Amino acid sequence: MTHQHFGRVLTAMVTPFDESGQVSYEVAEKLASYLVTHGSDGLVICGTTGESPSLTWAEEYELFKVVKNAVGKRAKILAGTGSNSTSEAIEATRKAAELGLDGSLQVVPYYNKPPQDGLYEHFKAIAKACPDFPLMLYNIPGRTGQNLLPETVAKLAEIDNIVAIKEASGNIDQVCQVRCLTSPSFAIYSGDDSLTLPMMTVGGIGVVSVASHLVGEQIQQMIQAFEDGKTTLAVELNLKLFNLFKVLFCTTNPIPVKAALNQQGWSVGGVRLPLKTLPLELIPSLEAAMRNLDLLS
């Protein structure tokens, strides 16, 4: 069951906005469909990349429905329903489960900085409230201010429906510790495109990706090459994509990836305040990285 949970490449999908800054559900539908035919096994809707902090719950539920209807038969759909309020996370996760989605991404509570036992109880409460709904933990200390420690992950992994983690601590040793402490069926996903291959060497199974908006098939190919023992090829593909992986984080995600999609002719619009569109001086390096990979027509 190791990699049958959600697949190998999950795209953390951007939320398209129209010119007036409202969610464009029509573009979301088209983009979801495109991603699923271009290397994505699944989609994470309303995660960090989907600008969840500045969406309303009503907008999020509508997005879950629209994307589920568009591609739910062809790909796994995960809802970003985490919160720094346990009761709010439970309510949102229940709704996602009722909509028939395939699972939920649960971010470490941000700003209120819970201790490890608080984190344990938080995720346990959500899991118990939705016992038949698979949950993926999401550790991103750079954004939340708190690191979910391997020992805590190991305890949480014993709960039946906590089946995976998106690890974005940037710490390979920590990933290694998580792998040592959990059963092989507990899936570890990279939360950083540039660390997907390094993490696979210590027991990761895939990535929750931003770059897969642009190079999903190549990322899929890299993972497949590694799985098939073609490590030289996997390394080559990783190095070829590395510059793009890095430039997509030249400023706060999802600012660069939305700029890249707009360059390709997708009408995903801008970002909502307090985020701002990509500064002019960063555009040339983004375009160069895309041109190198033939991503601009």
C-alpha atoms as a PDB file:
ATOM      1  CA  MET A   1       0.000   0.000   0.000  1.00  0.00           C
ATOM      2  CA  THR A   2       3.045   2.270   0.179  1.00  0.00           C
ATOM      3  CA  HIS A   3       2.310   4.593  -2.680  1.00  0.00           C
ATOM      4  CA  GLN A   4      -1.312   3.836  -3.365  1.00  0.00           C
ATOM      5  CA  HIS A   5      -2.590   6.501  -0.971  1.00  0.00           C
ATOM      6  CA  PHE A   6      -2.713   9.577  -3.145  1.00  0.00           C
ATOM      7  CA  GLY A   7      -0.201   8.905  -5.931  1.00  0.00           C
ATOM      8  CA  ARG A   8       3.298  10.221  -6.596  1.00  0.00           C
ATOM      9  CA  VAL A   9       2.838  13.738  -7.914  1.00  0.00           C
ATOM     10  CA  LEU A  10       0.202  15.894  -6.265  1.00  0.00           C
ATOM     11  CA  THR A  11      -0.105  19.439  -7.526  1.00  0.00           C
ATOM     12  CA  ALA A  12      -0.800  22.090  -4.906  1.00  0.00           C
ATOM     13  CA  MET A  13      -3.096  23.952  -7.260  1.00  0.00           C
ATOM     14  CA  VAL A  14      -3.231  27.741  -7.541  1.00  0.00           C
ATOM     15  CA  THR A  15      -6.597  29.448  -7.132  1.00  0.00           C
ATOM     16  CA  PRO A  16      -7.390  31.428 -10.299  1.00  0.00           C
ATOM     17  CA  PHE A  17      -8.911  34.897  -9.882  1.00  0.00           C
ATOM     18  CA  ASP A  18     -10.697  37.017 -12.463  1.00  0.00           C
ATOM     19  CA  GLU A  19      -9.960  40.677 -13.158  1.00  0.00           C
ATOM     20  CA  SER A  20     -12.076  41.813 -10.226  1.00  0.00           C
ATOM     21  CA  GLY A  21     -10.241  39.484  -7.843  1.00  0.00           C
ATOM     22  CA  GLN A  22     -13.067  36.955  -7.511  1.00  0.00           C
ATOM     23  CA  VAL A  23     -12.393  33.221  -7.753  1.00  0.00           C
ATOM     24  CA  SER A  24     -12.647  32.046 -11.360  1.00  0.00           C
ATOM     25  CA  TYR A  25     -14.220  28.601 -10.983  1.00  0.00           C
ATOM     26  CA  GLU A  26     -14.280  28.160 -14.746  1.00  0.00           C
ATOM     27  CA  VAL A  27     -10.483  28.536 -15.046  1.00  0.00           C
ATOM     28  CA  ALA A  28     -10.037  26.323 -11.952  1.00  0.00           C
ATOM     29  CA  GLU A  29     -11.965  23.579 -13.722  1.00  0.00           C
ATOM     30  CA  LYS A  30      -9.866  23.875 -16.898  1.00  0.00           C
ATOM     31  CA  LEU A  31      -6.577  24.030 -14.998  1.00  0.00           C
ATOM     32  CA  ALA A  32      -7.475  20.993 -12.877  1.00  0.00           C
ATOM     33  CA  SER A  33      -8.268  19.032 -16.013  1.00  0.00           C
ATOM     34  CA  TYR A  34      -5.009  20.104 -17.673  1.00  0.00           C
ATOM     35  CA  LEU A  35      -2.920  19.140 -14.631  1.00  0.00           C
ATOM     36  CA  VAL A  36      -4.464  15.691 -14.419  1.00  0.00           C
ATOM     37  CA  THR A  37      -3.628  14.987 -18.072  1.00  0.00           C
ATOM     38  CA  HIS A  38      -0.083  16.366 -17.578  1.00  0.00           C
ATOM     39  CA  GLY A  39       1.468  14.297 -14.829  1.00  0.00           C
ATOM     40  CA  SER A  40      -0.594  14.956 -11.692  1.00  0.00           C
ATOM     41  CA  ASP A  41      -1.955  11.910  -9.847  1.00  0.00           C
ATOM     42  CA  GLY A  42      -3.832  14.196  -7.502  1.00  0.00           C
ATOM     43  CA  LEU A  43      -4.566  17.809  -6.643  1.00  0.00           C
ATOM     44  CA  VAL A  44      -4.401  19.651  -3.350  1.00  0.00           C
ATOM     45  CA  ILE A  45      -7.019  22.401  -3.386  1.00  0.00           C
ATOM     46  CA  CYS A  46      -6.775  25.443  -1.095  1.00  0.00           C
ATOM     47  CA  GLY A  47      -3.348  24.758   0.332  1.00  0.00           C
ATOM     48  CA  THR A  48      -0.675  27.439   0.685  1.00  0.00           C
ATOM     49  CA  THR A  49      -0.297  27.628  -3.106  1.00  0.00           C
ATOM     50  CA  GLY A  50      -4.069  28.008  -3.401  1.00  0.00           C
ATOM     51  CA  GLU A  51      -3.889  31.150  -1.211  1.00  0.00           C
ATOM     52  CA  SER A  52      -6.084  29.585   1.466  1.00  0.00           C
ATOM     53  CA  PRO A  53      -5.299  32.322   4.043  1.00  0.00           C
ATOM     54  CA  SER A  54      -7.150  34.882   1.932  1.00  0.00           C
ATOM     55  CA  LEU A  55     -10.052  32.721   0.718  1.00  0.00           C
ATOM     56  CA  THR A  56     -13.367  32.464   2.537  1.00  0.00           C
ATOM     57  CA  TRP A  57     -14.605  29.017   3.586  1.00  0.00           C
ATOM     58  CA  ALA A  58     -17.526  29.481   1.156  1.00  0.00           C
ATOM     59  CA  GLU A  59     -15.083  30.003  -1.729  1.00  0.00           C
ATOM     60  CA  GLU A  60     -13.076  26.976  -0.604  1.00  0.00           C
ATOM     61  CA  TYR A  61     -16.087  24.643  -0.470  1.00  0.00           C
ATOM     62  CA  GLU A  62     -17.183  25.804  -3.912  1.00  0.00           C
ATOM     63  CA  LEU A  63     -13.668  25.104  -5.266  1.00  0.00           C
ATOM     64  CA  PHE A  64     -13.696  21.627  -3.710  1.00  0.00           C
ATOM     65  CA  LYS A  65     -17.005  20.896  -5.456  1.00  0.00           C
ATOM     66  CA  VAL A  66     -16.005  22.319  -8.837  1.00  0.00           C
ATOM     67  CA  VAL A  67     -12.664  20.471  -8.966  1.00  0.00           C
ATOM     68  CA  LYS A  68     -14.188  17.229  -7.671  1.00  0.00           C
ATOM     69  CA  ASN A  69     -16.828  17.373 -10.415  1.00  0.00           C
ATOM     70  CA  ALA A  70     -14.238  18.181 -13.076  1.00  0.00           C
ATOM     71  CA  VAL A  71     -11.584  15.543 -12.354  1.00  0.00           C
ATOM     72  CA  GLY A  72     -12.686  13.480  -9.340  1.00  0.00           C
ATOM     73  CA  LYS A  73     -12.995  10.301 -11.397  1.00  0.00           C
ATOM     74  CA  ARG A  74      -9.468  10.664 -12.792  1.00  0.00           C
ATOM     75  CA  ALA A  75      -7.412  11.934  -9.855  1.00  0.00           C
ATOM     76  CA  LYS A  76      -7.296  12.126  -6.064  1.00  0.00           C
ATOM     77  CA  ILE A  77      -8.593  15.410  -4.659  1.00  0.00           C
ATOM     78  CA  LEU A  78      -7.301  16.603  -1.302  1.00  0.00           C
ATOM     79  CA  ALA A  79      -8.751  19.573   0.540  1.00  0.00           C
ATOM     80  CA  GLY A  80      -6.621  22.004   2.490  1.00  0.00           C
ATOM     81  CA  THR A  81      -8.881  22.107   5.542  1.00  0.00           C
ATOM     82  CA  GLY A  82      -6.318  22.647   8.277  1.00  0.00           C
ATOM     83  CA  SER A  83      -6.582  25.580  10.671  1.00  0.00           C
ATOM     84  CA  ASN A  84      -5.002  26.923  13.825  1.00  0.00           C
ATOM     85  CA  SER A  85      -8.411  26.447  15.442  1.00  0.00           C
ATOM     86  CA  THR A  86      -9.113  22.756  16.078  1.00  0.00           C
ATOM     87  CA  SER A  87     -12.909  23.159  15.967  1.00  0.00           C
ATOM     88  CA  GLU A  88     -12.692  25.069  12.669  1.00  0.00           C
ATOM     89  CA  ALA A  89     -10.433  22.390  11.163  1.00  0.00           C
ATOM     90  CA  ILE A  90     -12.886  19.679  12.254  1.00  0.00           C
ATOM     91  CA  GLU A  91     -15.854  21.480  10.703  1.00  0.00           C
ATOM     92  CA  ALA A  92     -14.051  22.123   7.399  1.00  0.00           C
ATOM     93  CA  THR A  93     -12.684  18.572   7.221  1.00  0.00           C
ATOM     94  CA  ARG A  94     -16.147  17.100   7.849  1.00  0.00           C
ATOM     95  CA  LYS A  95     -17.495  19.176   4.951  1.00  0.00           C
ATOM     96  CA  ALA A  96     -14.705  17.979   2.648  1.00  0.00           C
ATOM     97  CA  ALA A  97     -15.486  14.393   3.625  1.00  0.00           C
ATOM     98  CA  GLU A  98     -19.195  14.940   2.923  1.00  0.00           C
ATOM     99  CA  LEU A  99     -18.327  16.278  -0.542  1.00  0.00           C
ATOM    100  CA  GLY A 100     -16.705  12.921  -1.316  1.00  0.00           C
ATOM    101  CA  LEU A 101     -13.119  14.155  -1.624  1.00  0.00           C
ATOM    102  CA  ASP A 102     -10.235  11.701  -1.216  1.00  0.00           C
ATOM    103  CA  GLY A 103      -8.496  13.233   1.754  1.00  0.00           C
ATOM    104  CA  SER A 104      -7.380  16.345   3.524  1.00  0.00           C
ATOM    105  CA  LEU A 105      -4.137  18.255   4.044  1.00  0.00           C
ATOM    106  CA  GLN A 106      -3.790  19.328   7.683  1.00  0.00           C
ATOM    107  CA  VAL A 107      -1.261  22.076   8.279  1.00  0.00           C
ATOM    108  CA  VAL A 108       0.462  22.483  11.640  1.00  0.00           C
ATOM    109  CA  PRO A 109      -1.487  25.201  13.513  1.00  0.00           C
ATOM    110  CA  TYR A 110       0.164  28.535  12.765  1.00  0.00           C
ATOM    111  CA  TYR A 111       0.682  31.586  14.956  1.00  0.00           C
ATOM    112  CA  ASN A 112      -0.498  30.060  18.248  1.00  0.00           C
ATOM    113  CA  LYS A 113       2.611  27.803  18.414  1.00  0.00           C
ATOM    114  CA  PRO A 114       1.212  24.738  20.210  1.00  0.00           C
ATOM    115  CA  PRO A 115       3.575  22.443  22.127  1.00  0.00           C
ATOM    116  CA  GLN A 116       4.065  18.905  20.743  1.00  0.00           C
ATOM    117  CA  ASP A 117       1.354  17.360  22.936  1.00  0.00           C
ATOM    118  CA  GLY A 118      -1.048  20.088  21.763  1.00  0.00           C
ATOM    119  CA  LEU A 119      -0.194  19.272  18.146  1.00  0.00           C
ATOM    120  CA  TYR A 120      -0.793  15.589  18.840  1.00  0.00           C
ATOM    121  CA  GLU A 121      -4.211  16.243  20.392  1.00  0.00           C
ATOM    122  CA  HIS A 122      -5.165  18.676  17.588  1.00  0.00           C
ATOM    123  CA  PHE A 123      -4.548  16.206  14.761  1.00  0.00           C
ATOM    124  CA  LYS A 124      -5.972  13.302  16.767  1.00  0.00           C
ATOM    125  CA  ALA A 125      -9.218  15.240  17.348  1.00  0.00           C
ATOM    126  CA  ILE A 126      -9.588  15.927  13.602  1.00  0.00           C
ATOM    127  CA  ALA A 127      -8.843  12.287  12.725  1.00  0.00           C
ATOM    128  CA  LYS A 128     -11.360  11.010  15.291  1.00  0.00           C
ATOM    129  CA  ALA A 129     -14.044  13.426  14.046  1.00  0.00           C
ATOM    130  CA  CYS A 130     -13.662  12.076  10.471  1.00  0.00           C
ATOM    131  CA  PRO A 131     -12.653   8.430  11.078  1.00  0.00           C
ATOM    132  CA  ASP A 132     -13.061   7.214   7.481  1.00  0.00           C
ATOM    133  CA  PHE A 133     -11.362  10.185   5.853  1.00  0.00           C
ATOM    134  CA  PRO A 134      -7.602   9.968   5.086  1.00  0.00           C
ATOM    135  CA  LEU A 135      -5.476  12.815   6.445  1.00  0.00           C
ATOM    136  CA  MET A 136      -2.061  14.080   5.354  1.00  0.00           C
ATOM    137  CA  LEU A 137      -0.136  16.059   7.978  1.00  0.00           C
ATOM    138  CA  TYR A 138       1.664  19.157   6.706  1.00  0.00           C
ATOM    139  CA  ASN A 139       4.830  20.306   8.435  1.00  0.00           C
ATOM    140  CA  ILE A 140       6.115  23.690   7.251  1.00  0.00           C
ATOM    141  CA  PRO A 141       7.869  25.402  10.174  1.00  0.00           C
ATOM    142  CA  GLY A 142       8.968  28.349   8.011  1.00  0.00           C
ATOM    143  CA  ARG A 143       5.325  29.391   7.740  1.00  0.00           C
ATOM    144  CA  THR A 144       3.792  28.080  10.948  1.00  0.00           C
ATOM    145  CA  GLY A 145       6.497  28.915  13.483  1.00  0.00           C
ATOM    146  CA  GLN A 146       6.402  25.381  14.900  1.00  0.00           C
ATOM    147  CA  ASN A 147       8.130  22.157  13.865  1.00  0.00           C
ATOM    148  CA  LEU A 148       6.162  18.900  14.064  1.00  0.00           C
ATOM    149  CA  LEU A 149       8.801  16.588  15.532  1.00  0.00           C
ATOM    150  CA  PRO A 150       9.409  13.027  14.257  1.00  0.00           C
ATOM    151  CA  GLU A 151       8.350  11.525  17.610  1.00  0.00           C
ATOM    152  CA  THR A 152       5.000  13.328  17.368  1.00  0.00           C
ATOM    153  CA  VAL A 153       4.566  12.236  13.747  1.00  0.00           C
ATOM    154  CA  ALA A 154       5.270   8.631  14.779  1.00  0.00           C
ATOM    155  CA  LYS A 155       2.525   8.752  17.441  1.00  0.00           C
ATOM    156  CA  LEU A 156       0.091  10.309  14.969  1.00  0.00           C
ATOM    157  CA  ALA A 157       0.946   7.733  12.287  1.00  0.00           C
ATOM    158  CA  GLU A 158      -0.496   5.054  14.586  1.00  0.00           C
ATOM    159  CA  ILE A 159      -3.967   6.594  14.085  1.00  0.00           C
ATOM    160  CA  ASP A 160      -5.666   4.655  11.270  1.00  0.00           C
ATOM    161  CA  ASN A 161      -6.687   7.526   9.020  1.00  0.00           C
ATOM    162  CA  ILE A 162      -3.508   9.608   9.395  1.00  0.00           C
ATOM    163  CA  VAL A 163      -1.805   8.095   6.384  1.00  0.00           C
ATOM    164  CA  ALA A 164       0.810  10.577   5.143  1.00  0.00           C
ATOM    165  CA  ILE A 165       2.875  13.692   5.779  1.00  0.00           C
ATOM    166  CA  LYS A 166       3.930  16.552   3.554  1.00  0.00           C
ATOM    167  CA  GLU A 167       7.367  17.377   4.934  1.00  0.00           C
ATOM    168  CA  ALA A 168       8.513  20.909   4.169  1.00  0.00           C
ATOM    169  CA  SER A 169      10.975  21.459   6.996  1.00  0.00           C
ATOM    170  CA  GLY A 170      13.825  21.280   4.471  1.00  0.00           C
ATOM    171  CA  ASN A 171      15.602  18.900   6.849  1.00  0.00           C
ATOM    172  CA  ILE A 172      16.582  15.547   5.325  1.00  0.00           C
ATOM    173  CA  ASP A 173      17.720  14.181   8.704  1.00  0.00           C
ATOM    174  CA  GLN A 174      14.247  14.838  10.050  1.00  0.00           C
ATOM    175  CA  VAL A 175      12.668  13.014   7.107  1.00  0.00           C
ATOM    176  CA  CYS A 176      15.016  10.112   7.803  1.00  0.00           C
ATOM    177  CA  GLN A 177      13.927  10.042  11.452  1.00  0.00           C
ATOM    178  CA  VAL A 178      10.249  10.059  10.464  1.00  0.00           C
ATOM    179  CA  ARG A 179      10.919   7.126   8.115  1.00  0.00           C
ATOM    180  CA  CYS A 180      12.740   5.204  10.855  1.00  0.00           C
ATOM    181  CA  LEU A 181       9.881   5.708  13.319  1.00  0.00           C
ATOM    182  CA  THR A 182       6.869   4.959  11.094  1.00  0.00           C
ATOM    183  CA  SER A 183       5.594   1.891   9.247  1.00  0.00           C
ATOM    184  CA  PRO A 184       6.399   1.636   5.513  1.00  0.00           C
ATOM    185  CA  SER A 185       2.709   2.186   4.710  1.00  0.00           C
ATOM    186  CA  PHE A 186       2.893   5.735   6.116  1.00  0.00           C
ATOM    187  CA  ALA A 187       3.616   7.931   3.081  1.00  0.00           C
ATOM    188  CA  ILE A 188       6.176  10.738   3.190  1.00  0.00           C
ATOM    189  CA  TYR A 189       5.800  13.448   0.537  1.00  0.00           C
ATOM    190  CA  SER A 190       8.288  16.217  -0.121  1.00  0.00           C
ATOM    191  CA  GLY A 191       6.906  19.698   0.328  1.00  0.00           C
ATOM    192  CA  ASP A 192       9.766  21.194  -1.714  1.00  0.00           C
ATOM    193  CA  ASP A 193      10.228  20.386  -5.396  1.00  0.00           C
ATOM    194  CA  SER A 194      14.002  20.637  -5.142  1.00  0.00           C
ATOM    195  CA  LEU A 195      14.082  18.047  -2.329  1.00  0.00           C
ATOM    196  CA  THR A 196      11.856  15.418  -3.951  1.00  0.00           C
ATOM    197  CA  LEU A 197      14.716  13.272  -5.236  1.00  0.00           C
ATOM    198  CA  PRO A 198      16.896  13.637  -2.093  1.00  0.00           C
ATOM    199  CA  MET A 199      13.874  12.681   0.033  1.00  0.00           C
ATOM    200  CA  MET A 200      13.160   9.616  -2.068  1.00  0.00           C
ATOM    201  CA  THR A 201      16.636   8.349  -1.249  1.00  0.00           C
ATOM    202  CA  VAL A 202      15.639   8.236   2.443  1.00  0.00           C
ATOM    203  CA  GLY A 203      12.169   6.764   1.998  1.00  0.00           C
ATOM    204  CA  GLY A 204       9.908   9.465   0.545  1.00  0.00           C
ATOM    205  CA  ILE A 205       7.373   8.415  -2.101  1.00  0.00           C
ATOM    206  CA  GLY A 206       6.552  11.589  -3.995  1.00  0.00           C
ATOM    207  CA  VAL A 207       5.886  15.303  -3.849  1.00  0.00           C
ATOM    208  CA  VAL A 208       3.183  17.855  -3.212  1.00  0.00           C
ATOM    209  CA  SER A 209       4.446  20.088  -5.959  1.00  0.00           C
ATOM    210  CA  VAL A 210       4.283  23.663  -7.201  1.00  0.00           C
ATOM    211  CA  ALA A 211       6.477  23.129 -10.286  1.00  0.00           C
ATOM    212  CA  SER A 212       4.146  20.378 -11.538  1.00  0.00           C
ATOM    213  CA  HIS A 213       1.876  23.163 -12.840  1.00  0.00           C
ATOM    214  CA  LEU A 214       4.582  23.492 -15.518  1.00  0.00           C
ATOM    215  CA  VAL A 215       6.597  20.239 -15.563  1.00  0.00           C
ATOM    216  CA  GLY A 216       4.362  17.564 -14.031  1.00  0.00           C
ATOM    217  CA  GLU A 217       5.284  14.915 -16.577  1.00  0.00           C
ATOM    218  CA  GLN A 218       9.023  15.478 -16.103  1.00  0.00           C
ATOM    219  CA  ILE A 219       8.690  15.208 -12.313  1.00  0.00           C
ATOM    220  CA  GLN A 220       6.711  12.007 -12.780  1.00  0.00           C
ATOM    221  CA  GLN A 221       9.465  10.745 -15.093  1.00  0.00           C
ATOM    222  CA  MET A 222      12.172  11.580 -12.522  1.00  0.00           C
ATOM    223  CA  ILE A 223      10.343   9.695  -9.757  1.00  0.00           C
ATOM    224  CA  GLN A 224       9.721   6.741 -12.059  1.00  0.00           C
ATOM    225  CA  ALA A 225      13.388   6.642 -13.084  1.00  0.00           C
ATOM    226  CA  PHE A 226      14.442   6.552  -9.431  1.00  0.00           C
ATOM    227  CA  GLU A 227      11.922   3.789  -8.681  1.00  0.00           C
ATOM    228  CA  ASP A 228      13.209   1.765 -11.645  1.00  0.00           C
ATOM    229  CA  GLY A 229      16.785   1.990 -10.347  1.00  0.00           C
ATOM    230  CA  LYS A 230      17.818   4.390 -13.135  1.00  0.00           C
ATOM    231  CA  THR A 231      19.401   6.769 -10.650  1.00  0.00           C
ATOM    232  CA  THR A 232      21.700   8.487 -13.155  1.00  0.00           C
ATOM    233  CA  LEU A 233      18.684   9.450 -15.239  1.00  0.00           C
ATOM    234  CA  ALA A 234      16.785  10.585 -12.134  1.00  0.00           C
ATOM    235  CA  VAL A 235      19.711  12.816 -11.133  1.00  0.00           C
ATOM    236  CA  GLU A 236      19.946  14.260 -14.665  1.00  0.00           C
ATOM    237  CA  LEU A 237      16.234  15.116 -14.704  1.00  0.00           C
ATOM    238  CA  ASN A 238      16.437  16.674 -11.258  1.00  0.00           C
ATOM    239  CA  LEU A 239      19.381  18.871 -12.270  1.00  0.00           C
ATOM    240  CA  LYS A 240      17.632  19.871 -15.484  1.00  0.00           C
ATOM    241  CA  LEU A 241      14.574  21.027 -13.503  1.00  0.00           C
ATOM    242  CA  PHE A 242      16.481  22.438 -10.529  1.00  0.00           C
ATOM    243  CA  ASN A 243      16.717  26.011 -11.785  1.00  0.00           C
ATOM    244  CA  LEU A 244      12.948  26.134 -12.338  1.00  0.00           C
ATOM    245  CA  PHE A 245      12.324  24.609  -8.892  1.00  0.00           C
ATOM    246  CA  LYS A 246      14.395  27.380  -7.314  1.00  0.00           C
ATOM    247  CA  VAL A 247      13.106  30.322  -9.359  1.00  0.00           C
ATOM    248  CA  LEU A 248       9.515  29.417  -8.458  1.00  0.00           C
ATOM    249  CA  PHE A 249      10.484  30.335  -4.898  1.00  0.00           C
ATOM    250  CA  CYS A 250      12.401  33.545  -5.710  1.00  0.00           C
ATOM    251  CA  THR A 251       9.727  35.279  -3.640  1.00  0.00           C
ATOM    252  CA  THR A 252       6.717  34.057  -1.665  1.00  0.00           C
ATOM    253  CA  ASN A 253       4.815  31.149  -3.248  1.00  0.00           C
ATOM    254  CA  PRO A 254       2.438  31.311  -5.205  1.00  0.00           C
ATOM    255  CA  ILE A 255       3.511  34.681  -6.633  1.00  0.00           C
ATOM    256  CA  PRO A 256       6.078  33.240  -9.130  1.00  0.00           C
ATOM    257  CA  VAL A 257       4.030  30.232 -10.263  1.00  0.00           C
ATOM    258  CA  LYS A 258       0.995  32.415 -10.975  1.00  0.00           C
ATOM    259  CA  ALA A 259       3.221  34.736 -13.016  1.00  0.00           C
ATOM    260  CA  ALA A 260       4.570  31.701 -14.897  1.00  0.00           C
ATOM    261  CA  LEU A 261       1.080  30.384 -15.668  1.00  0.00           C
ATOM    262  CA  ASN A 262      -0.034  33.813 -16.880  1.00  0.00           C
ATOM    263  CA  GLN A 263       3.065  33.894 -19.139  1.00  0.00           C
ATOM    264  CA  GLN A 264       1.890  30.590 -20.618  1.00  0.00           C
ATOM    265  CA  GLY A 265      -1.505  32.058 -21.421  1.00  0.00           C
ATOM    266  CA  TRP A 266      -3.482  30.773 -18.449  1.00  0.00           C
ATOM    267  CA  SER A 267      -5.740  33.470 -17.027  1.00  0.00           C
ATOM    268  CA  VAL A 268      -5.079  32.718 -13.371  1.00  0.00           C
ATOM    269  CA  GLY A 269      -5.049  36.406 -12.462  1.00  0.00           C
ATOM    270  CA  GLY A 270      -3.043  38.057  -9.734  1.00  0.00           C
ATOM    271  CA  VAL A 271      -2.716  37.265  -6.056  1.00  0.00           C
ATOM    272  CA  ARG A 272      -4.842  38.621  -3.215  1.00  0.00           C
ATOM    273  CA  LEU A 273      -3.473  41.080  -0.705  1.00  0.00           C
ATOM    274  CA  PRO A 274      -1.375  40.912   1.405  1.00  0.00           C
ATOM    275  CA  LEU A 275       0.502  39.149  -1.438  1.00  0.00           C
ATOM    276  CA  LYS A 276       1.603  41.232  -4.429  1.00  0.00           C
ATOM    277  CA  THR A 277       2.351  40.343  -8.058  1.00  0.00           C
ATOM    278  CA  LEU A 278       5.893  39.412  -9.089  1.00  0.00           C
ATOM    279  CA  PRO A 279       8.285  42.407  -9.055  1.00  0.00           C
ATOM    280  CA  LEU A 280       9.501  43.392 -12.531  1.00  0.00           C
ATOM    281  CA  GLU A 281      13.148  42.691 -11.710  1.00  0.00           C
ATOM    282  CA  LEU A 282      12.366  39.001 -11.012  1.00  0.00           C
ATOM    283  CA  ILE A 283      10.558  38.374 -14.307  1.00  0.00           C
ATOM    284  CA  PRO A 284      13.679  37.863 -16.517  1.00  0.00           C
ATOM    285  CA  SER A 285      15.072  35.000 -14.393  1.00  0.00           C
ATOM    286  CA  LEU A 286      11.658  33.295 -14.314  1.00  0.00           C
ATOM    287  CA  GLU A 287      11.323  33.637 -18.093  1.00  0.00           C
ATOM    288  CA  ALA A 288      14.874  32.373 -18.659  1.00  0.00           C
ATOM    289  CA  ALA A 289      14.230  29.250 -16.566  1.00  0.00           C
ATOM    290  CA  MET A 290      11.010  28.619 -18.480  1.00  0.00           C
ATOM    291  CA  ARG A 291      12.618  29.223 -21.858  1.00  0.00           C
ATOM    292  CA  ASN A 292      15.386  26.739 -20.990  1.00  0.00           C
ATOM    293  CA  LEU A 293      12.746  24.050 -20.608  1.00  0.00           C
ATOM    294  CA  ASP A 294      10.715  25.132 -23.676  1.00  0.00           C
ATOM    295  CA  LEU A 295       7.821  26.229 -21.469  1.00  0.00           C
ATOM    296  CA  LEU A 296       7.196  29.473 -23.358  1.00  0.00           C
ATOM    297  CA  SER A 297       5.699  29.240 -26.828  1.00  0.00           C
END
